[in-house]
Amino acid sequence: MTNTINEVNAALGFTAEDLKKLATWKMPFGKYAGRPIIDLPEAYLFWFQKNEFPNGELGELMGLCLALKIEGLDGLIKPLKP
């Protein structure tokens, strides 16, 4: 699995630490507050993409999450959840 994660990192330009954060960071606000970012529904992430992701690292992680979901790679992150 490490090779696959490294391939995803190289393709999308994010670090392994970013992928771990997707599994552990919780959405701080809104309808899905308290839910790990990787578990946010794709439709919710598309809404943010259309209307603008939050500034900073949260927005970057949400964008990465959406990219992984679009490519069907979000299953790689779920084993990293605590």
PDB file of N, CA and C in Angstrom:
ATOM      1  N   MET A   1       0.822  -1.193   0.000  1.00  0.00           N
ATOM      2  CA  MET A   1       0.000   0.000   0.000  1.00  0.00           C
ATOM      3  C   MET A   1       0.863   1.252   0.000  1.00  0.00           C
ATOM      4  N   THR A   2       2.041   1.206   0.596  1.00  0.00           N
ATOM      5  CA  THR A   2       2.904   2.379   0.637  1.00  0.00           C
ATOM      6  C   THR A   2       3.256   2.851  -0.763  1.00  0.00           C
ATOM      7  N   ASN A   3       3.535   1.930  -1.685  1.00  0.00           N
ATOM      8  CA  ASN A   3       3.850   2.320  -3.055  1.00  0.00           C
ATOM      9  C   ASN A   3       2.673   3.038  -3.697  1.00  0.00           C
ATOM     10  N   THR A   4       1.463   2.550  -3.470  1.00  0.00           N
ATOM     11  CA  THR A   4       0.278   3.175  -4.045  1.00  0.00           C
ATOM     12  C   THR A   4       0.101   4.580  -3.486  1.00  0.00           C
ATOM     13  N   ILE A   5       0.275   4.749  -2.186  1.00  0.00           N
ATOM     14  CA  ILE A   5       0.161   6.072  -1.576  1.00  0.00           C
ATOM     15  C   ILE A   5       1.221   6.997  -2.146  1.00  0.00           C
ATOM     16  N   ASN A   6       2.443   6.505  -2.323  1.00  0.00           N
ATOM     17  CA  ASN A   6       3.502   7.336  -2.895  1.00  0.00           C
ATOM     18  C   ASN A   6       3.170   7.741  -4.328  1.00  0.00           C
ATOM     19  N   GLU A   7       2.553   6.843  -5.095  1.00  0.00           N
ATOM     20  CA  GLU A   7       2.147   7.173  -6.461  1.00  0.00           C
ATOM     21  C   GLU A   7       1.073   8.255  -6.466  1.00  0.00           C
ATOM     22  N   VAL A   8       0.118   8.147  -5.549  1.00  0.00           N
ATOM     23  CA  VAL A   8      -0.921   9.170  -5.430  1.00  0.00           C
ATOM     24  C   VAL A   8      -0.295  10.499  -5.050  1.00  0.00           C
ATOM     25  N   ASN A   9       0.632  10.479  -4.101  1.00  0.00           N
ATOM     26  CA  ASN A   9       1.312  11.708  -3.681  1.00  0.00           C
ATOM     27  C   ASN A   9       1.993  12.376  -4.869  1.00  0.00           C
ATOM     28  N   ALA A  10       2.723  11.594  -5.638  1.00  0.00           N
ATOM     29  CA  ALA A  10       3.456  12.141  -6.778  1.00  0.00           C
ATOM     30  C   ALA A  10       2.500  12.703  -7.829  1.00  0.00           C
ATOM     31  N   ALA A  11       1.411  12.000  -8.079  1.00  0.00           N
ATOM     32  CA  ALA A  11       0.470  12.428  -9.116  1.00  0.00           C
ATOM     33  C   ALA A  11      -0.281  13.693  -8.723  1.00  0.00           C
ATOM     34  N   LEU A  12      -0.635  13.824  -7.463  1.00  0.00           N
ATOM     35  CA  LEU A  12      -1.455  14.956  -7.030  1.00  0.00           C
ATOM     36  C   LEU A  12      -0.666  16.063  -6.346  1.00  0.00           C
ATOM     37  N   GLY A  13       0.592  15.816  -6.020  1.00  0.00           N
ATOM     38  CA  GLY A  13       1.427  16.842  -5.429  1.00  0.00           C
ATOM     39  C   GLY A  13       1.179  17.080  -3.952  1.00  0.00           C
ATOM     40  N   PHE A  14       0.697  16.075  -3.230  1.00  0.00           N
ATOM     41  CA  PHE A  14       0.477  16.197  -1.800  1.00  0.00           C
ATOM     42  C   PHE A  14       1.372  15.204  -1.077  1.00  0.00           C
ATOM     43  N   THR A  15       1.590  15.442   0.209  1.00  0.00           N
ATOM     44  CA  THR A  15       2.474  14.587   0.998  1.00  0.00           C
ATOM     45  C   THR A  15       1.692  13.468   1.668  1.00  0.00           C
ATOM     46  N   ALA A  16       2.421  12.488   2.163  1.00  0.00           N
ATOM     47  CA  ALA A  16       1.800  11.408   2.924  1.00  0.00           C
ATOM     48  C   ALA A  16       1.110  11.968   4.164  1.00  0.00           C
ATOM     49  N   GLU A  17       1.680  13.009   4.736  1.00  0.00           N
ATOM     50  CA  GLU A  17       1.064  13.649   5.912  1.00  0.00           C
ATOM     51  C   GLU A  17      -0.304  14.239   5.560  1.00  0.00           C
ATOM     52  N   ASP A  18      -0.421  14.811   4.373  1.00  0.00           N
ATOM     53  CA  ASP A  18      -1.723  15.332   3.933  1.00  0.00           C
ATOM     54  C   ASP A  18      -2.759  14.213   3.853  1.00  0.00           C
ATOM     55  N   LEU A  19      -2.355  13.061   3.366  1.00  0.00           N
ATOM     56  CA  LEU A  19      -3.273  11.935   3.248  1.00  0.00           C
ATOM     57  C   LEU A  19      -3.697  11.438   4.625  1.00  0.00           C
ATOM     58  N   LYS A  20      -2.771  11.442   5.575  1.00  0.00           N
ATOM     59  CA  LYS A  20      -3.121  11.063   6.948  1.00  0.00           C
ATOM     60  C   LYS A  20      -4.101  12.064   7.548  1.00  0.00           C
ATOM     61  N   LYS A  21      -3.913  13.336   7.240  1.00  0.00           N
ATOM     62  CA  LYS A  21      -4.818  14.370   7.764  1.00  0.00           C
ATOM     63  C   LYS A  21      -6.236  14.167   7.236  1.00  0.00           C
ATOM     64  N   LEU A  22      -6.369  13.716   5.990  1.00  0.00           N
ATOM     65  CA  LEU A  22      -7.703  13.452   5.452  1.00  0.00           C
ATOM     66  C   LEU A  22      -8.450  12.436   6.305  1.00  0.00           C
ATOM     67  N   ALA A  23      -7.727  11.488   6.853  1.00  0.00           N
ATOM     68  CA  ALA A  23      -8.340  10.426   7.650  1.00  0.00           C
ATOM     69  C   ALA A  23      -8.622  10.856   9.081  1.00  0.00           C
ATOM     70  N   THR A  24      -7.904  11.857   9.569  1.00  0.00           N
ATOM     71  CA  THR A  24      -8.007  12.191  10.992  1.00  0.00           C
ATOM     72  C   THR A  24      -8.645  13.551  11.279  1.00  0.00           C
ATOM     73  N   TRP A  25      -8.482  14.524  10.368  1.00  0.00           N
ATOM     74  CA  TRP A  25      -9.060  15.847  10.621  1.00  0.00           C
ATOM     75  C   TRP A  25     -10.574  15.768  10.508  1.00  0.00           C
ATOM     76  N   LYS A  26     -11.231  16.476  11.382  1.00  0.00           N
ATOM     77  CA  LYS A  26     -12.690  16.503  11.364  1.00  0.00           C
ATOM     78  C   LYS A  26     -13.166  17.845  10.802  1.00  0.00           C
ATOM     79  N   MET A  27     -14.239  17.790  10.053  1.00  0.00           N
ATOM     80  CA  MET A  27     -14.838  19.004   9.501  1.00  0.00           C
ATOM     81  C   MET A  27     -15.236  19.904  10.672  1.00  0.00           C
ATOM     82  N   PRO A  28     -14.750  21.150  10.702  1.00  0.00           N
ATOM     83  CA  PRO A  28     -14.981  22.001  11.874  1.00  0.00           C
ATOM     84  C   PRO A  28     -16.327  22.735  11.891  1.00  0.00           C
ATOM     85  N   PHE A  29     -17.080  22.700  10.808  1.00  0.00           N
ATOM     86  CA  PHE A  29     -18.319  23.481  10.768  1.00  0.00           C
ATOM     87  C   PHE A  29     -19.301  22.850   9.788  1.00  0.00           C
ATOM     88  N   GLY A  30     -20.518  23.359   9.818  1.00  0.00           N
ATOM     89  CA  GLY A  30     -21.512  22.987   8.824  1.00  0.00           C
ATOM     90  C   GLY A  30     -22.247  21.691   9.112  1.00  0.00           C
ATOM     91  N   LYS A  31     -22.969  21.261   8.126  1.00  0.00           N
ATOM     92  CA  LYS A  31     -23.828  20.085   8.207  1.00  0.00           C
ATOM     93  C   LYS A  31     -23.075  18.834   8.635  1.00  0.00           C
ATOM     94  N   TYR A  32     -21.821  18.719   8.234  1.00  0.00           N
ATOM     95  CA  TYR A  32     -21.023  17.524   8.514  1.00  0.00           C
ATOM     96  C   TYR A  32     -19.930  17.781   9.553  1.00  0.00           C
ATOM     97  N   ALA A  33     -20.139  18.760  10.422  1.00  0.00           N
ATOM     98  CA  ALA A  33     -19.170  19.062  11.482  1.00  0.00           C
ATOM     99  C   ALA A  33     -18.898  17.806  12.300  1.00  0.00           C
ATOM    100  N   GLY A  34     -17.627  17.563  12.577  1.00  0.00           N
ATOM    101  CA  GLY A  34     -17.222  16.411  13.374  1.00  0.00           C
ATOM    102  C   GLY A  34     -16.935  15.162  12.564  1.00  0.00           C
ATOM    103  N   ARG A  35     -17.239  15.180  11.285  1.00  0.00           N
ATOM    104  CA  ARG A  35     -17.002  14.016  10.425  1.00  0.00           C
ATOM    105  C   ARG A  35     -15.601  14.132   9.820  1.00  0.00           C
ATOM    106  N   PRO A  36     -14.836  13.012   9.760  1.00  0.00           N
ATOM    107  CA  PRO A  36     -13.519  13.076   9.098  1.00  0.00           C
ATOM    108  C   PRO A  36     -13.675  13.574   7.651  1.00  0.00           C
ATOM    109  N   ILE A  37     -12.716  14.341   7.203  1.00  0.00           N
ATOM    110  CA  ILE A  37     -12.791  14.933   5.864  1.00  0.00           C
ATOM    111  C   ILE A  37     -12.972  13.857   4.799  1.00  0.00           C
ATOM    112  N   ILE A  38     -12.306  12.725   4.944  1.00  0.00           N
ATOM    113  CA  ILE A  38     -12.415  11.672   3.930  1.00  0.00           C
ATOM    114  C   ILE A  38     -13.833  11.126   3.845  1.00  0.00           C
ATOM    115  N   ASP A  39     -14.628  11.302   4.886  1.00  0.00           N
ATOM    116  CA  ASP A  39     -16.002  10.792   4.899  1.00  0.00           C
ATOM    117  C   ASP A  39     -17.034  11.814   4.431  1.00  0.00           C
ATOM    118  N   LEU A  40     -16.582  12.995   4.009  1.00  0.00           N
ATOM    119  CA  LEU A  40     -17.534  13.981   3.502  1.00  0.00           C
ATOM    120  C   LEU A  40     -18.107  13.494   2.173  1.00  0.00           C
ATOM    121  N   PRO A  41     -19.404  13.687   1.961  1.00  0.00           N
ATOM    122  CA  PRO A  41     -20.006  13.260   0.696  1.00  0.00           C
ATOM    123  C   PRO A  41     -19.429  14.032  -0.497  1.00  0.00           C
ATOM    124  N   GLU A  42     -19.318  13.335  -1.597  1.00  0.00           N
ATOM    125  CA  GLU A  42     -18.779  13.947  -2.817  1.00  0.00           C
ATOM    126  C   GLU A  42     -19.602  15.168  -3.233  1.00  0.00           C
ATOM    127  N   ALA A  43     -20.922  15.089  -3.116  1.00  0.00           N
ATOM    128  CA  ALA A  43     -21.788  16.211  -3.501  1.00  0.00           C
ATOM    129  C   ALA A  43     -21.489  17.451  -2.659  1.00  0.00           C
ATOM    130  N   TYR A  44     -21.192  17.258  -1.382  1.00  0.00           N
ATOM    131  CA  TYR A  44     -20.841  18.367  -0.480  1.00  0.00           C
ATOM    132  C   TYR A  44     -19.534  19.019  -0.944  1.00  0.00           C
ATOM    133  N   LEU A  45     -18.557  18.186  -1.297  1.00  0.00           N
ATOM    134  CA  LEU A  45     -17.272  18.707  -1.770  1.00  0.00           C
ATOM    135  C   LEU A  45     -17.423  19.415  -3.112  1.00  0.00           C
ATOM    136  N   PHE A  46     -18.281  18.886  -4.003  1.00  0.00           N
ATOM    137  CA  PHE A  46     -18.536  19.566  -5.275  1.00  0.00           C
ATOM    138  C   PHE A  46     -19.172  20.938  -5.036  1.00  0.00           C
ATOM    139  N   TRP A  47     -20.058  21.023  -4.042  1.00  0.00           N
ATOM    140  CA  TRP A  47     -20.678  22.307  -3.728  1.00  0.00           C
ATOM    141  C   TRP A  47     -19.599  23.323  -3.340  1.00  0.00           C
ATOM    142  N   PHE A  48     -18.666  22.898  -2.487  1.00  0.00           N
ATOM    143  CA  PHE A  48     -17.586  23.799  -2.086  1.00  0.00           C
ATOM    144  C   PHE A  48     -16.704  24.161  -3.275  1.00  0.00           C
ATOM    145  N   GLN A  49     -16.439  23.204  -4.151  1.00  0.00           N
ATOM    146  CA  GLN A  49     -15.622  23.496  -5.328  1.00  0.00           C
ATOM    147  C   GLN A  49     -16.283  24.584  -6.173  1.00  0.00           C
ATOM    148  N   LYS A  50     -17.580  24.472  -6.342  1.00  0.00           N
ATOM    149  CA  LYS A  50     -18.324  25.452  -7.140  1.00  0.00           C
ATOM    150  C   LYS A  50     -18.384  26.818  -6.453  1.00  0.00           C
ATOM    151  N   ASN A  51     -18.522  26.821  -5.127  1.00  0.00           N
ATOM    152  CA  ASN A  51     -18.719  28.055  -4.376  1.00  0.00           C
ATOM    153  C   ASN A  51     -17.476  28.556  -3.669  1.00  0.00           C
ATOM    154  N   GLU A  52     -16.406  27.832  -3.714  1.00  0.00           N
ATOM    155  CA  GLU A  52     -15.103  28.154  -3.146  1.00  0.00           C
ATOM    156  C   GLU A  52     -14.834  27.373  -1.864  1.00  0.00           C
ATOM    157  N   PHE A  53     -13.733  26.633  -1.908  1.00  0.00           N
ATOM    158  CA  PHE A  53     -13.278  25.915  -0.722  1.00  0.00           C
ATOM    159  C   PHE A  53     -12.837  26.931   0.324  1.00  0.00           C
ATOM    160  N   PRO A  54     -12.870  26.559   1.604  1.00  0.00           N
ATOM    161  CA  PRO A  54     -12.352  27.454   2.641  1.00  0.00           C
ATOM    162  C   PRO A  54     -10.878  27.772   2.377  1.00  0.00           C
ATOM    163  N   ASN A  55     -10.438  28.895   2.890  1.00  0.00           N
ATOM    164  CA  ASN A  55      -9.028  29.273   2.765  1.00  0.00           C
ATOM    165  C   ASN A  55      -8.165  28.350   3.612  1.00  0.00           C
ATOM    166  N   GLY A  56      -6.917  28.256   3.239  1.00  0.00           N
ATOM    167  CA  GLY A  56      -5.933  27.551   4.041  1.00  0.00           C
ATOM    168  C   GLY A  56      -5.912  26.050   3.845  1.00  0.00           C
ATOM    169  N   GLU A  57      -5.347  25.391   4.843  1.00  0.00           N
ATOM    170  CA  GLU A  57      -5.108  23.954   4.751  1.00  0.00           C
ATOM    171  C   GLU A  57      -6.408  23.154   4.661  1.00  0.00           C
ATOM    172  N   LEU A  58      -7.451  23.592   5.351  1.00  0.00           N
ATOM    173  CA  LEU A  58      -8.722  22.878   5.282  1.00  0.00           C
ATOM    174  C   LEU A  58      -9.224  22.820   3.843  1.00  0.00           C
ATOM    175  N   GLY A  59      -9.214  23.945   3.148  1.00  0.00           N
ATOM    176  CA  GLY A  59      -9.657  23.982   1.763  1.00  0.00           C
ATOM    177  C   GLY A  59      -8.796  23.120   0.857  1.00  0.00           C
ATOM    178  N   GLU A  60      -7.489  23.126   1.095  1.00  0.00           N
ATOM    179  CA  GLU A  60      -6.583  22.290   0.302  1.00  0.00           C
ATOM    180  C   GLU A  60      -6.894  20.812   0.520  1.00  0.00           C
ATOM    181  N   LEU A  61      -7.146  20.435   1.764  1.00  0.00           N
ATOM    182  CA  LEU A  61      -7.455  19.038   2.062  1.00  0.00           C
ATOM    183  C   LEU A  61      -8.805  18.637   1.468  1.00  0.00           C
ATOM    184  N   MET A  62      -9.766  19.532   1.496  1.00  0.00           N
ATOM    185  CA  MET A  62     -11.063  19.236   0.894  1.00  0.00           C
ATOM    186  C   MET A  62     -10.926  19.052  -0.616  1.00  0.00           C
ATOM    187  N   GLY A  63     -10.079  19.865  -1.248  1.00  0.00           N
ATOM    188  CA  GLY A  63      -9.822  19.716  -2.680  1.00  0.00           C
ATOM    189  C   GLY A  63      -9.144  18.394  -2.991  1.00  0.00           C
ATOM    190  N   LEU A  64      -8.188  18.010  -2.163  1.00  0.00           N
ATOM    191  CA  LEU A  64      -7.518  16.722  -2.334  1.00  0.00           C
ATOM    192  C   LEU A  64      -8.514  15.591  -2.143  1.00  0.00           C
ATOM    193  N   CYS A  65      -9.357  15.711  -1.152  1.00  0.00           N
ATOM    194  CA  CYS A  65     -10.366  14.687  -0.900  1.00  0.00           C
ATOM    195  C   CYS A  65     -11.271  14.511  -2.119  1.00  0.00           C
ATOM    196  N   LEU A  66     -11.715  15.615  -2.684  1.00  0.00           N
ATOM    197  CA  LEU A  66     -12.574  15.538  -3.868  1.00  0.00           C
ATOM    198  C   LEU A  66     -11.838  14.875  -5.026  1.00  0.00           C
ATOM    199  N   ALA A  67     -10.578  15.244  -5.236  1.00  0.00           N
ATOM    200  CA  ALA A  67      -9.797  14.637  -6.322  1.00  0.00           C
ATOM    201  C   ALA A  67      -9.676  13.126  -6.134  1.00  0.00           C
ATOM    202  N   LEU A  68      -9.442  12.694  -4.906  1.00  0.00           N
ATOM    203  CA  LEU A  68      -9.330  11.261  -4.630  1.00  0.00           C
ATOM    204  C   LEU A  68     -10.661  10.551  -4.870  1.00  0.00           C
ATOM    205  N   LYS A  69     -11.744  11.183  -4.456  1.00  0.00           N
ATOM    206  CA  LYS A  69     -13.068  10.577  -4.653  1.00  0.00           C
ATOM    207  C   LYS A  69     -13.403  10.470  -6.143  1.00  0.00           C
ATOM    208  N   ILE A  70     -13.093  11.503  -6.908  1.00  0.00           N
ATOM    209  CA  ILE A  70     -13.356  11.486  -8.346  1.00  0.00           C
ATOM    210  C   ILE A  70     -12.604  10.335  -9.010  1.00  0.00           C
ATOM    211  N   GLU A  71     -11.379  10.108  -8.577  1.00  0.00           N
ATOM    212  CA  GLU A  71     -10.546   9.050  -9.159  1.00  0.00           C
ATOM    213  C   GLU A  71     -10.810   7.680  -8.543  1.00  0.00           C
ATOM    214  N   GLY A  72     -11.709   7.630  -7.557  1.00  0.00           N
ATOM    215  CA  GLY A  72     -12.017   6.358  -6.908  1.00  0.00           C
ATOM    216  C   GLY A  72     -10.926   5.869  -5.982  1.00  0.00           C
ATOM    217  N   LEU A  73     -10.108   6.793  -5.477  1.00  0.00           N
ATOM    218  CA  LEU A  73      -8.968   6.420  -4.640  1.00  0.00           C
ATOM    219  C   LEU A  73      -9.188   6.703  -3.161  1.00  0.00           C
ATOM    220  N   ASP A  74     -10.375   7.148  -2.792  1.00  0.00           N
ATOM    221  CA  ASP A  74     -10.625   7.475  -1.390  1.00  0.00           C
ATOM    222  C   ASP A  74     -10.520   6.242  -0.486  1.00  0.00           C
ATOM    223  N   GLY A  75     -10.708   5.063  -1.028  1.00  0.00           N
ATOM    224  CA  GLY A  75     -10.567   3.831  -0.264  1.00  0.00           C
ATOM    225  C   GLY A  75      -9.152   3.628   0.271  1.00  0.00           C
ATOM    226  N   LEU A  76      -8.166   4.267  -0.347  1.00  0.00           N
ATOM    227  CA  LEU A  76      -6.796   4.173   0.124  1.00  0.00           C
ATOM    228  C   LEU A  76      -6.608   4.882   1.452  1.00  0.00           C
ATOM    229  N   ILE A  77      -7.428   5.879   1.719  1.00  0.00           N
ATOM    230  CA  ILE A  77      -7.277   6.694   2.922  1.00  0.00           C
ATOM    231  C   ILE A  77      -7.993   6.066   4.107  1.00  0.00           C
ATOM    232  N   LYS A  78      -9.085   5.389   3.863  1.00  0.00           N
ATOM    233  CA  LYS A  78      -9.907   4.856   4.966  1.00  0.00           C
ATOM    234  C   LYS A  78      -9.133   3.944   5.907  1.00  0.00           C
ATOM    235  N   PRO A  79      -8.174   3.122   5.454  1.00  0.00           N
ATOM    236  CA  PRO A  79      -7.394   2.325   6.417  1.00  0.00           C
ATOM    237  C   PRO A  79      -6.518   3.172   7.343  1.00  0.00           C
ATOM    238  N   LEU A  80      -6.307   4.432   7.012  1.00  0.00           N
ATOM    239  CA  LEU A  80      -5.499   5.312   7.847  1.00  0.00           C
ATOM    240  C   LEU A  80      -6.299   5.930   8.987  1.00  0.00           C
ATOM    241  N   LYS A  81      -7.623   5.726   8.967  1.00  0.00           N
ATOM    242  CA  LYS A  81      -8.472   6.287  10.013  1.00  0.00           C
ATOM    243  C   LYS A  81      -8.188   5.606  11.347  1.00  0.00           C
ATOM    244  N   PRO A  82      -8.242   6.396  12.430  1.00  0.00           N
ATOM    245  CA  PRO A  82      -7.984   5.796  13.761  1.00  0.00           C
ATOM    246  C   PRO A  82      -9.081   4.821  14.163  1.00  0.00           C
TER     247      PRO A  82
END
